[in-house]
């Protein structure tokens, strides 16, 4: 199975990048985890939020195959405990899902086309965080899920 985190914009905070890499290097190789950063839309300042979401949506879809299982990291999504999230990953692996693509949208969220394409929505918290912090939190939760699935003591209930 492949896990891909697709995000709008770059992470420019060196400390956050260091922490993301810290967890990313510890992920199992068979998950083929990667982070894909979509460049910011050009002339975004001149676009309405709706047009900006549509342009970002086109970029997301250009990086997604029809067979991908798409999960939006969205404030309106379902919240999981870390153990529930690890169970979800285990289910995807056991049902032969080849690639799971997680999307982190831009400042205004996702276009209707992306909501229609998504297989599900997941919220990491009811709180709002920067898109850079969400990347770090997400990669840590992927690592935690792996540790839970291996029965290692990283996670305590």
N, C-alpha and C. Protein backbone atom coordinates (compact mmCIF):
# COMPACT_ATOMS: atom_id res chain seq x y z
N UNK A 1 0.85 -1.18 0.00
CA UNK A 1 0.00 0.00 0.00
C UNK A 1 0.89 1.24 0.00
N UNK A 2 0.43 2.26 -0.69
CA UNK A 2 1.12 3.55 -0.70
C UNK A 2 0.26 4.56 0.04
N UNK A 3 0.92 5.40 0.81
CA UNK A 3 0.23 6.49 1.50
C UNK A 3 0.87 7.78 1.02
N UNK A 4 0.04 8.69 0.50
CA UNK A 4 0.53 9.95 -0.02
C UNK A 4 -0.22 11.09 0.67
N UNK A 5 0.53 12.03 1.19
CA UNK A 5 -0.04 13.25 1.77
C UNK A 5 0.17 14.35 0.74
N UNK A 6 -0.93 14.88 0.20
CA UNK A 6 -0.86 15.91 -0.84
C UNK A 6 -1.32 17.23 -0.23
N UNK A 7 -0.46 18.25 -0.32
CA UNK A 7 -0.70 19.52 0.35
C UNK A 7 -0.52 20.70 -0.60
N UNK A 8 -1.24 21.77 -0.33
CA UNK A 8 -1.05 23.02 -1.04
C UNK A 8 0.07 23.80 -0.35
N UNK A 9 1.03 24.26 -1.11
CA UNK A 9 2.11 25.10 -0.58
C UNK A 9 3.23 24.32 0.06
N UNK A 10 4.30 25.03 0.35
CA UNK A 10 5.49 24.42 0.94
C UNK A 10 5.53 24.66 2.44
N UNK A 11 6.26 23.79 3.12
CA UNK A 11 6.56 24.00 4.53
C UNK A 11 7.91 24.69 4.58
N UNK A 12 7.93 25.91 5.10
CA UNK A 12 9.19 26.65 5.11
C UNK A 12 9.81 26.78 6.49
N UNK A 13 9.13 26.29 7.51
CA UNK A 13 9.66 26.35 8.87
C UNK A 13 10.63 25.19 9.07
N UNK A 14 11.90 25.51 9.30
CA UNK A 14 12.94 24.47 9.39
C UNK A 14 12.71 23.50 10.55
N UNK A 15 12.20 24.00 11.67
CA UNK A 15 11.96 23.12 12.82
C UNK A 15 10.85 22.12 12.51
N UNK A 16 9.80 22.59 11.86
CA UNK A 16 8.71 21.68 11.50
C UNK A 16 9.21 20.67 10.48
N UNK A 17 9.98 21.11 9.49
CA UNK A 17 10.54 20.19 8.49
C UNK A 17 11.40 19.11 9.15
N UNK A 18 12.21 19.51 10.12
CA UNK A 18 13.07 18.55 10.84
C UNK A 18 12.22 17.50 11.54
N UNK A 19 11.15 17.93 12.19
CA UNK A 19 10.29 16.98 12.90
C UNK A 19 9.53 16.08 11.93
N UNK A 20 9.07 16.64 10.81
CA UNK A 20 8.39 15.81 9.81
C UNK A 20 9.34 14.72 9.32
N UNK A 21 10.57 15.09 9.00
CA UNK A 21 11.55 14.11 8.52
C UNK A 21 11.87 13.08 9.59
N UNK A 22 11.89 13.51 10.86
CA UNK A 22 12.15 12.61 11.98
C UNK A 22 11.16 11.43 11.97
N UNK A 23 9.88 11.76 11.83
CA UNK A 23 8.87 10.70 11.81
C UNK A 23 8.82 9.98 10.46
N UNK A 24 8.99 10.71 9.40
CA UNK A 24 8.90 10.13 8.06
C UNK A 24 9.94 9.03 7.86
N UNK A 25 11.15 9.24 8.37
CA UNK A 25 12.21 8.23 8.19
C UNK A 25 11.95 6.97 9.01
N UNK A 26 11.06 7.03 9.97
CA UNK A 26 10.75 5.88 10.82
C UNK A 26 9.55 5.07 10.34
N UNK A 27 8.92 5.53 9.27
CA UNK A 27 7.76 4.82 8.75
C UNK A 27 8.19 3.55 8.02
N UNK A 28 7.33 2.53 8.03
CA UNK A 28 7.69 1.29 7.34
C UNK A 28 7.82 1.52 5.83
N UNK A 29 8.83 0.91 5.26
CA UNK A 29 9.09 1.10 3.81
C UNK A 29 7.92 0.61 2.96
N UNK A 30 7.23 -0.44 3.41
CA UNK A 30 6.14 -0.99 2.59
C UNK A 30 4.92 -0.07 2.51
N UNK A 31 4.89 1.01 3.29
CA UNK A 31 3.82 1.99 3.15
C UNK A 31 4.13 2.99 2.06
N UNK A 32 5.39 3.03 1.61
CA UNK A 32 5.77 3.94 0.52
C UNK A 32 5.23 5.34 0.75
N UNK A 33 5.40 5.84 1.96
CA UNK A 33 4.85 7.15 2.32
C UNK A 33 5.60 8.27 1.60
N UNK A 34 4.83 9.21 1.07
CA UNK A 34 5.45 10.39 0.48
C UNK A 34 4.57 11.60 0.72
N UNK A 35 5.22 12.75 0.71
CA UNK A 35 4.52 14.03 0.81
C UNK A 35 4.69 14.73 -0.53
N UNK A 36 3.58 15.13 -1.12
CA UNK A 36 3.60 15.87 -2.38
C UNK A 36 3.10 17.28 -2.09
N UNK A 37 3.94 18.25 -2.38
CA UNK A 37 3.56 19.64 -2.18
C UNK A 37 3.18 20.27 -3.51
N UNK A 38 1.96 20.76 -3.57
CA UNK A 38 1.46 21.46 -4.76
C UNK A 38 1.85 22.93 -4.62
N UNK A 39 2.49 23.49 -5.64
CA UNK A 39 2.83 24.93 -5.55
C UNK A 39 1.56 25.77 -5.39
N UNK A 40 1.70 26.87 -4.68
CA UNK A 40 0.57 27.80 -4.54
C UNK A 40 0.10 28.23 -5.92
N UNK A 41 -1.20 28.44 -6.06
CA UNK A 41 -1.78 28.90 -7.32
C UNK A 41 -1.26 30.31 -7.61
N UNK A 42 -0.84 30.53 -8.85
CA UNK A 42 -0.35 31.84 -9.24
C UNK A 42 -1.49 32.85 -9.27
N UNK A 43 -1.18 34.07 -8.89
CA UNK A 43 -2.16 35.17 -8.85
C UNK A 43 -3.35 34.86 -7.96
N UNK A 44 -3.11 34.10 -6.89
CA UNK A 44 -4.20 33.72 -5.98
C UNK A 44 -4.88 34.94 -5.37
N UNK A 45 -4.12 36.02 -5.19
CA UNK A 45 -4.69 37.24 -4.59
C UNK A 45 -5.82 37.82 -5.45
N UNK A 46 -5.75 37.53 -6.75
CA UNK A 46 -6.74 38.09 -7.68
C UNK A 46 -7.97 37.19 -7.85
N UNK A 47 -7.99 36.06 -7.17
CA UNK A 47 -9.09 35.11 -7.32
C UNK A 47 -10.01 35.15 -6.11
N UNK A 48 -11.27 34.92 -6.35
CA UNK A 48 -12.22 34.78 -5.23
C UNK A 48 -11.92 33.45 -4.54
N UNK A 49 -12.35 33.30 -3.29
CA UNK A 49 -12.13 32.02 -2.61
C UNK A 49 -12.66 30.82 -3.40
N UNK A 50 -13.82 30.98 -4.04
CA UNK A 50 -14.40 29.86 -4.81
C UNK A 50 -13.54 29.50 -6.01
N UNK A 51 -13.07 30.51 -6.73
CA UNK A 51 -12.20 30.26 -7.89
C UNK A 51 -10.87 29.66 -7.46
N UNK A 52 -10.34 30.14 -6.35
CA UNK A 52 -9.09 29.60 -5.83
C UNK A 52 -9.24 28.12 -5.47
N UNK A 53 -10.34 27.77 -4.80
CA UNK A 53 -10.59 26.37 -4.46
C UNK A 53 -10.71 25.51 -5.71
N UNK A 54 -11.35 26.03 -6.75
CA UNK A 54 -11.48 25.28 -8.01
C UNK A 54 -10.12 25.04 -8.65
N UNK A 55 -9.28 26.07 -8.65
CA UNK A 55 -7.93 25.92 -9.24
C UNK A 55 -7.10 24.93 -8.43
N UNK A 56 -7.17 25.03 -7.12
CA UNK A 56 -6.45 24.07 -6.28
C UNK A 56 -7.00 22.66 -6.49
N UNK A 57 -8.32 22.55 -6.65
CA UNK A 57 -8.95 21.26 -6.88
C UNK A 57 -8.43 20.59 -8.15
N UNK A 58 -8.23 21.36 -9.20
CA UNK A 58 -7.68 20.81 -10.44
C UNK A 58 -6.29 20.24 -10.21
N UNK A 59 -5.51 20.93 -9.39
CA UNK A 59 -4.16 20.45 -9.09
C UNK A 59 -4.20 19.17 -8.28
N UNK A 60 -5.09 19.10 -7.30
CA UNK A 60 -5.25 17.86 -6.52
C UNK A 60 -5.62 16.70 -7.44
N UNK A 61 -6.61 16.92 -8.28
CA UNK A 61 -7.09 15.85 -9.15
C UNK A 61 -6.04 15.41 -10.16
N UNK A 62 -5.17 16.32 -10.58
CA UNK A 62 -4.12 15.95 -11.53
C UNK A 62 -3.09 15.01 -10.89
N UNK A 63 -3.04 14.96 -9.57
CA UNK A 63 -2.10 14.10 -8.86
C UNK A 63 -2.74 12.84 -8.31
N UNK A 64 -3.99 12.61 -8.69
CA UNK A 64 -4.76 11.51 -8.12
C UNK A 64 -5.24 10.58 -9.23
N UNK A 65 -5.04 9.29 -9.02
CA UNK A 65 -5.57 8.29 -9.95
C UNK A 65 -7.00 7.96 -9.57
N UNK A 66 -7.77 7.47 -10.53
CA UNK A 66 -9.16 7.08 -10.26
C UNK A 66 -9.27 6.00 -9.20
N UNK A 67 -8.24 5.17 -9.09
CA UNK A 67 -8.28 4.07 -8.13
C UNK A 67 -7.83 4.47 -6.73
N UNK A 68 -7.32 5.69 -6.56
CA UNK A 68 -6.87 6.14 -5.23
C UNK A 68 -8.04 6.23 -4.27
N UNK A 69 -7.79 5.87 -3.02
CA UNK A 69 -8.74 6.09 -1.95
C UNK A 69 -8.40 7.46 -1.38
N UNK A 70 -9.31 8.43 -1.51
CA UNK A 70 -9.03 9.81 -1.14
C UNK A 70 -9.68 10.17 0.19
N UNK A 71 -8.84 10.67 1.10
CA UNK A 71 -9.31 11.11 2.41
C UNK A 71 -8.97 12.59 2.55
N UNK A 72 -9.99 13.40 2.79
CA UNK A 72 -9.77 14.83 3.01
C UNK A 72 -9.53 15.08 4.48
N UNK A 73 -8.44 15.78 4.79
CA UNK A 73 -8.24 16.24 6.16
C UNK A 73 -9.03 17.53 6.27
N UNK A 74 -10.18 17.44 6.91
CA UNK A 74 -11.19 18.50 6.86
C UNK A 74 -11.82 18.64 8.24
N UNK A 75 -12.02 19.87 8.66
CA UNK A 75 -12.58 20.12 9.99
C UNK A 75 -13.96 19.50 10.19
N UNK A 76 -14.67 19.22 9.09
CA UNK A 76 -16.01 18.62 9.20
C UNK A 76 -15.97 17.10 9.14
N UNK A 77 -14.78 16.55 9.09
CA UNK A 77 -14.64 15.10 8.98
C UNK A 77 -14.80 14.39 10.31
N UNK A 78 -14.78 13.08 10.22
CA UNK A 78 -14.89 12.24 11.41
C UNK A 78 -13.57 12.25 12.17
N UNK A 79 -13.67 12.33 13.48
CA UNK A 79 -12.47 12.26 14.31
C UNK A 79 -12.24 10.81 14.74
N UNK A 80 -10.97 10.43 14.76
CA UNK A 80 -10.57 9.09 15.16
C UNK A 80 -9.63 9.19 16.36
N UNK A 81 -9.66 8.18 17.22
CA UNK A 81 -8.58 8.05 18.18
C UNK A 81 -7.38 7.49 17.41
N UNK A 82 -6.22 7.53 18.01
CA UNK A 82 -5.04 6.97 17.34
C UNK A 82 -5.21 5.48 17.08
N UNK A 83 -5.81 4.79 18.01
CA UNK A 83 -6.02 3.34 17.83
C UNK A 83 -7.04 3.09 16.70
N UNK A 84 -8.11 3.88 16.64
CA UNK A 84 -9.08 3.73 15.55
C UNK A 84 -8.44 4.03 14.20
N UNK A 85 -7.57 5.03 14.16
CA UNK A 85 -6.87 5.36 12.92
C UNK A 85 -5.96 4.22 12.49
N UNK A 86 -5.27 3.61 13.43
CA UNK A 86 -4.41 2.47 13.07
C UNK A 86 -5.25 1.30 12.55
N UNK A 87 -6.42 1.10 13.13
CA UNK A 87 -7.33 0.05 12.66
C UNK A 87 -7.78 0.35 11.24
N UNK A 88 -8.04 1.62 10.96
CA UNK A 88 -8.45 2.04 9.61
C UNK A 88 -7.35 1.73 8.60
N UNK A 89 -6.12 2.04 8.92
CA UNK A 89 -5.00 1.74 8.03
C UNK A 89 -4.87 0.24 7.83
N UNK A 90 -5.03 -0.51 8.90
CA UNK A 90 -4.97 -1.97 8.81
C UNK A 90 -6.07 -2.51 7.89
N UNK A 91 -7.27 -1.94 7.98
CA UNK A 91 -8.37 -2.36 7.10
C UNK A 91 -8.04 -2.07 5.65
N UNK A 92 -7.47 -0.90 5.37
CA UNK A 92 -7.09 -0.57 3.99
C UNK A 92 -6.07 -1.58 3.47
N UNK A 93 -5.11 -1.92 4.30
CA UNK A 93 -4.09 -2.89 3.87
C UNK A 93 -4.72 -4.26 3.61
N UNK A 94 -5.65 -4.66 4.46
CA UNK A 94 -6.27 -5.98 4.34
C UNK A 94 -7.31 -6.06 3.23
N UNK A 95 -7.77 -4.92 2.74
CA UNK A 95 -8.75 -4.93 1.64
C UNK A 95 -8.08 -4.56 0.32
N UNK A 96 -6.77 -4.64 0.30
CA UNK A 96 -5.99 -4.43 -0.93
C UNK A 96 -6.14 -3.04 -1.53
N UNK A 97 -6.33 -2.02 -0.69
CA UNK A 97 -6.29 -0.65 -1.19
C UNK A 97 -4.84 -0.40 -1.59
N UNK A 98 -4.63 0.02 -2.82
CA UNK A 98 -3.26 0.19 -3.32
C UNK A 98 -2.66 1.54 -2.91
N UNK A 99 -3.49 2.58 -2.91
CA UNK A 99 -2.96 3.90 -2.59
C UNK A 99 -4.03 4.72 -1.87
N UNK A 100 -3.63 5.28 -0.73
CA UNK A 100 -4.48 6.20 0.00
C UNK A 100 -3.85 7.58 -0.12
N UNK A 101 -4.62 8.53 -0.63
CA UNK A 101 -4.15 9.90 -0.76
C UNK A 101 -4.91 10.77 0.23
N UNK A 102 -4.17 11.38 1.13
CA UNK A 102 -4.73 12.33 2.09
C UNK A 102 -4.49 13.72 1.56
N UNK A 103 -5.52 14.56 1.56
CA UNK A 103 -5.41 15.92 1.04
C UNK A 103 -5.47 16.93 2.18
N UNK A 104 -4.54 17.88 2.17
CA UNK A 104 -4.62 19.06 3.02
C UNK A 104 -4.89 20.23 2.09
N UNK A 105 -6.05 20.85 2.23
CA UNK A 105 -6.45 21.91 1.32
C UNK A 105 -5.79 23.24 1.63
N UNK A 106 -6.15 24.22 0.84
CA UNK A 106 -5.64 25.57 1.02
C UNK A 106 -6.39 26.30 2.13
N UNK A 107 -6.16 27.57 2.20
CA UNK A 107 -6.73 28.39 3.28
C UNK A 107 -8.26 28.38 3.31
N UNK A 108 -8.89 28.15 2.16
CA UNK A 108 -10.36 28.18 2.10
C UNK A 108 -10.98 26.80 2.02
N UNK A 109 -10.16 25.77 2.17
CA UNK A 109 -10.70 24.42 2.13
C UNK A 109 -10.69 23.84 0.72
N UNK A 110 -11.71 23.04 0.42
CA UNK A 110 -11.76 22.29 -0.83
C UNK A 110 -12.93 22.72 -1.71
N UNK A 111 -12.77 22.51 -3.00
CA UNK A 111 -13.85 22.77 -3.96
C UNK A 111 -14.88 21.65 -3.88
N UNK A 112 -16.05 21.91 -4.44
CA UNK A 112 -17.10 20.89 -4.48
C UNK A 112 -16.63 19.64 -5.22
N UNK A 113 -15.83 19.83 -6.28
CA UNK A 113 -15.32 18.69 -7.05
C UNK A 113 -14.48 17.77 -6.18
N UNK A 114 -13.72 18.35 -5.27
CA UNK A 114 -12.89 17.54 -4.38
C UNK A 114 -13.76 16.82 -3.35
N UNK A 115 -14.76 17.51 -2.81
CA UNK A 115 -15.66 16.85 -1.87
C UNK A 115 -16.38 15.68 -2.55
N UNK A 116 -16.75 15.85 -3.80
CA UNK A 116 -17.43 14.77 -4.53
C UNK A 116 -16.49 13.60 -4.81
N UNK A 117 -15.22 13.89 -5.05
CA UNK A 117 -14.24 12.84 -5.35
C UNK A 117 -13.82 12.05 -4.12
N UNK A 118 -13.88 12.69 -2.96
CA UNK A 118 -13.37 12.08 -1.73
C UNK A 118 -14.16 10.84 -1.33
N UNK A 119 -13.43 9.87 -0.80
CA UNK A 119 -14.06 8.68 -0.24
C UNK A 119 -14.51 8.92 1.20
N UNK A 120 -13.77 9.78 1.90
CA UNK A 120 -14.18 10.14 3.25
C UNK A 120 -13.44 11.38 3.71
N UNK A 121 -13.94 11.95 4.81
CA UNK A 121 -13.33 13.12 5.43
C UNK A 121 -12.90 12.75 6.84
N UNK A 122 -11.74 13.27 7.22
CA UNK A 122 -11.19 12.99 8.54
C UNK A 122 -10.75 14.31 9.17
N UNK A 123 -11.10 14.52 10.43
CA UNK A 123 -10.66 15.71 11.16
C UNK A 123 -9.60 15.28 12.17
N UNK A 124 -8.50 16.00 12.20
CA UNK A 124 -7.47 15.71 13.20
C UNK A 124 -7.80 16.38 14.53
N UNK A 125 -8.62 17.42 14.49
CA UNK A 125 -9.02 18.12 15.70
C UNK A 125 -10.16 19.07 15.35
N UNK A 126 -10.88 19.51 16.36
CA UNK A 126 -11.88 20.55 16.15
C UNK A 126 -11.21 21.92 16.13
N UNK A 127 -9.98 21.98 16.59
CA UNK A 127 -9.23 23.23 16.60
C UNK A 127 -8.66 23.50 15.21
N UNK A 128 -8.31 24.75 14.96
CA UNK A 128 -7.69 25.13 13.70
C UNK A 128 -6.18 25.25 13.92
N UNK A 129 -5.41 24.65 12.99
CA UNK A 129 -3.95 24.72 13.04
C UNK A 129 -3.45 25.20 11.69
N UNK A 130 -2.20 25.65 11.66
CA UNK A 130 -1.61 26.01 10.39
C UNK A 130 -1.46 24.75 9.54
N UNK A 131 -1.43 24.94 8.22
CA UNK A 131 -1.27 23.79 7.33
C UNK A 131 0.07 23.11 7.54
N UNK A 132 1.07 23.87 7.94
CA UNK A 132 2.38 23.28 8.21
C UNK A 132 2.32 22.38 9.45
N UNK A 133 1.64 22.83 10.48
CA UNK A 133 1.53 22.01 11.71
C UNK A 133 0.73 20.74 11.44
N UNK A 134 -0.33 20.85 10.63
CA UNK A 134 -1.14 19.67 10.33
C UNK A 134 -0.28 18.59 9.68
N UNK A 135 0.64 18.97 8.82
CA UNK A 135 1.53 17.99 8.18
C UNK A 135 2.31 17.22 9.24
N UNK A 136 2.86 17.96 10.19
CA UNK A 136 3.63 17.31 11.26
C UNK A 136 2.72 16.40 12.09
N UNK A 137 1.57 16.89 12.51
CA UNK A 137 0.66 16.07 13.32
C UNK A 137 0.26 14.81 12.57
N UNK A 138 -0.01 14.96 11.28
CA UNK A 138 -0.44 13.81 10.48
C UNK A 138 0.67 12.77 10.37
N UNK A 139 1.88 13.20 10.06
CA UNK A 139 2.99 12.25 9.91
C UNK A 139 3.25 11.53 11.24
N UNK A 140 3.14 12.26 12.35
CA UNK A 140 3.32 11.62 13.65
C UNK A 140 2.23 10.58 13.88
N UNK A 141 0.99 10.86 13.48
CA UNK A 141 -0.09 9.90 13.66
C UNK A 141 0.08 8.68 12.76
N UNK A 142 0.64 8.87 11.58
CA UNK A 142 0.95 7.72 10.72
C UNK A 142 1.99 6.84 11.40
N UNK A 143 3.02 7.48 11.95
CA UNK A 143 4.06 6.73 12.69
C UNK A 143 3.44 6.02 13.89
N UNK A 144 2.60 6.72 14.62
CA UNK A 144 1.95 6.12 15.80
C UNK A 144 1.10 4.92 15.38
N UNK A 145 0.38 5.04 14.27
CA UNK A 145 -0.44 3.92 13.78
C UNK A 145 0.42 2.70 13.50
N UNK A 146 1.58 2.92 12.88
CA UNK A 146 2.50 1.82 12.62
C UNK A 146 2.94 1.16 13.92
N UNK A 147 3.29 1.97 14.90
CA UNK A 147 3.74 1.42 16.18
C UNK A 147 2.63 0.64 16.88
N UNK A 148 1.41 1.14 16.80
CA UNK A 148 0.26 0.43 17.38
C UNK A 148 0.08 -0.90 16.67
N UNK A 149 0.12 -0.90 15.35
CA UNK A 149 -0.08 -2.13 14.59
C UNK A 149 1.02 -3.16 14.85
N UNK A 150 2.20 -2.69 15.18
CA UNK A 150 3.30 -3.60 15.51
C UNK A 150 3.29 -4.03 16.97
N UNK A 151 2.38 -3.44 17.76
CA UNK A 151 2.31 -3.79 19.19
C UNK A 151 3.45 -3.20 20.01
N UNK A 152 4.08 -2.16 19.51
CA UNK A 152 5.19 -1.53 20.22
C UNK A 152 4.66 -0.54 21.26
N UNK A 153 5.45 -0.22 22.26
CA UNK A 153 4.96 0.60 23.39
C UNK A 153 4.97 2.11 23.18
N UNK A 154 5.07 2.60 21.94
CA UNK A 154 5.06 4.04 21.69
C UNK A 154 3.74 4.66 22.14
N UNK A 155 2.63 3.94 21.96
CA UNK A 155 1.31 4.46 22.29
C UNK A 155 0.81 3.81 23.58
N UNK A 156 0.35 4.64 24.50
CA UNK A 156 -0.24 4.13 25.74
C UNK A 156 -1.71 4.48 25.78
N UNK A 157 -2.54 3.51 26.09
CA UNK A 157 -3.98 3.77 26.24
C UNK A 157 -4.31 4.04 27.69
